[in-house]
Amino acid sequence: MADRVTPGAWAVVNDDPPGIFVAENAAVISRVLALKVVASASPSVFTEGELQAVQEHLLHERWAQALLVWMTATDITVDVYEEFVPVYDEQLLNAELASIAIRLSRVFTADSHVADSAAE
């Protein structure tokens, strides 16, 4: 079986609707945001000085600086996280395994009901 890429970075563009991007690592998520968010923005969202600055940052691969100019120009924030993102698939969590795990979960154990009732 071929090796699968495990996401190690993700970003949320806090727009309406939010944009979510997932990448292999922080370096890749930076390039994704530069290409898919900053470089695809309409030039009209920038002042002349911001447009020149963002173009300069993009041409010199200063992804974070380009993103900062874009966030200032659009008043849209971006949250970037560099951490493992679990991706569940059929092999990792098939229906039979999920069915067993659900039956053994806390909501089906008598002790959790008793403990929760005592806490109230």
Protein backbone atom coordinates (compact mmCIF):
# COMPACT_ATOMS: atom_id res chain seq x y z
CA MET A 1 0.00 0.00 0.00
CA ALA A 2 1.29 3.50 -0.82
CA ASP A 3 2.21 5.81 2.03
CA ARG A 4 -0.51 8.30 2.82
CA VAL A 5 0.13 11.91 3.68
CA THR A 6 -0.86 12.72 7.24
CA PRO A 7 -1.95 16.32 7.64
CA GLY A 8 0.27 18.21 10.03
CA ALA A 9 -1.02 21.76 9.55
CA TRP A 10 -4.36 23.39 8.95
CA ALA A 11 -5.82 26.84 8.62
CA VAL A 12 -9.21 28.47 8.97
CA VAL A 13 -9.98 31.62 7.01
CA ASN A 14 -12.55 33.36 9.22
CA ASP A 15 -14.80 34.54 6.42
CA ASP A 16 -18.45 33.86 5.66
CA PRO A 17 -18.44 30.99 4.95
CA PRO A 18 -15.14 30.00 6.57
CA GLY A 19 -12.45 28.47 4.40
CA ILE A 20 -10.57 25.44 5.68
CA PHE A 21 -7.25 24.27 4.29
CA VAL A 22 -5.29 21.18 5.34
CA ALA A 23 -1.67 20.46 4.39
CA GLU A 24 1.22 18.17 5.13
CA ASN A 25 3.13 20.72 7.22
CA ALA A 26 3.49 24.43 8.05
CA ALA A 27 5.64 25.18 5.01
CA VAL A 28 3.00 23.77 2.67
CA ILE A 29 0.07 25.45 4.44
CA SER A 30 1.89 28.78 4.04
CA ARG A 31 2.16 28.25 0.29
CA VAL A 32 -1.46 27.10 0.08
CA LEU A 33 -2.66 30.28 1.82
CA ALA A 34 -0.43 32.42 -0.38
CA LEU A 35 -1.81 30.84 -3.55
CA LYS A 36 -5.45 30.08 -2.67
CA VAL A 37 -6.19 33.11 -0.48
CA VAL A 38 -3.78 35.99 -1.09
CA ALA A 39 -2.88 35.57 -4.76
CA SER A 40 -6.48 34.83 -5.73
CA ALA A 41 -7.81 38.02 -4.10
CA SER A 42 -9.14 40.78 -6.28
CA PRO A 43 -6.58 43.60 -6.62
CA SER A 44 -9.39 45.99 -5.72
CA VAL A 45 -9.31 44.87 -2.05
CA PHE A 46 -5.86 46.44 -1.68
CA THR A 47 -4.73 50.03 -1.69
CA GLU A 48 -2.03 50.76 -4.25
CA GLY A 49 0.67 50.47 -1.60
CA GLU A 50 -0.78 47.22 -0.20
CA LEU A 51 -1.01 45.72 -3.68
CA GLN A 52 2.64 46.52 -4.39
CA ALA A 53 3.65 45.13 -0.98
CA VAL A 54 1.66 41.90 -1.40
CA GLN A 55 3.06 41.38 -4.90
CA GLU A 56 6.59 41.91 -3.61
CA HIS A 57 6.07 39.49 -0.72
CA LEU A 58 4.60 36.83 -3.02
CA LEU A 59 7.41 37.16 -5.58
CA HIS A 60 10.02 36.76 -2.83
CA GLU A 61 8.13 33.86 -1.20
CA ARG A 62 7.45 35.76 2.00
CA TRP A 63 4.14 33.99 2.48
CA ALA A 64 3.41 35.14 6.04
CA GLN A 65 4.04 38.80 5.22
CA ALA A 66 1.78 38.57 2.16
CA LEU A 67 -0.94 37.01 4.30
CA LEU A 68 -0.61 39.80 6.89
CA VAL A 69 -1.08 42.46 4.20
CA TRP A 70 -4.12 40.58 2.88
CA MET A 71 -5.63 40.28 6.39
CA THR A 72 -5.14 44.03 6.96
CA ALA A 73 -6.70 44.88 3.60
CA THR A 74 -9.70 42.57 3.96
CA ASP A 75 -10.19 42.66 7.75
CA ILE A 76 -10.45 38.85 7.61
CA THR A 77 -8.36 36.83 10.03
CA VAL A 78 -6.72 33.46 9.45
CA ASP A 79 -5.95 30.94 12.17
CA VAL A 80 -3.09 28.56 11.37
CA TYR A 81 -2.32 25.46 13.40
CA GLU A 82 0.68 23.20 13.08
CA GLU A 83 -0.38 19.94 14.60
CA PHE A 84 -1.37 16.43 13.59
CA VAL A 85 -4.89 16.22 12.21
CA PRO A 86 -6.39 12.74 12.53
CA VAL A 87 -8.13 11.63 9.37
CA TYR A 88 -10.47 8.73 9.94
CA ASP A 89 -11.16 6.42 7.03
CA GLU A 90 -12.91 3.09 6.56
CA GLN A 91 -9.73 1.14 7.26
CA LEU A 92 -9.06 2.97 10.53
CA LEU A 93 -12.65 3.01 11.78
CA ASN A 94 -14.82 0.53 9.95
CA ALA A 95 -18.53 0.09 10.74
CA GLU A 96 -18.01 -3.05 12.83
CA LEU A 97 -15.28 -1.48 14.96
CA ALA A 98 -17.36 1.68 15.42
CA SER A 99 -20.37 -0.38 16.49
CA ILE A 100 -18.32 -2.20 19.15
CA ALA A 101 -16.62 1.00 20.35
CA ILE A 102 -19.98 2.75 20.71
CA ARG A 103 -21.36 -0.05 22.85
CA LEU A 104 -18.30 0.18 25.11
CA SER A 105 -18.34 3.99 25.31
CA ARG A 106 -19.07 6.00 28.43
CA VAL A 107 -22.71 6.75 27.56
CA PHE A 108 -23.48 3.01 27.70
CA THR A 109 -21.74 2.20 30.96
CA ALA A 110 -23.77 2.09 34.17
CA ASP A 111 -20.93 3.59 36.20
CA SER A 112 -20.91 6.81 34.21
CA HIS A 113 -24.66 7.28 34.80
CA VAL A 114 -24.28 6.71 38.53
CA ALA A 115 -21.23 8.99 38.77
CA ASP A 116 -22.94 11.74 36.80
CA SER A 117 -26.08 11.49 38.97
CA ALA A 118 -24.01 11.68 42.16
CA ALA A 119 -22.28 14.81 40.91
CA GLU A 120 -25.60 16.64 40.50
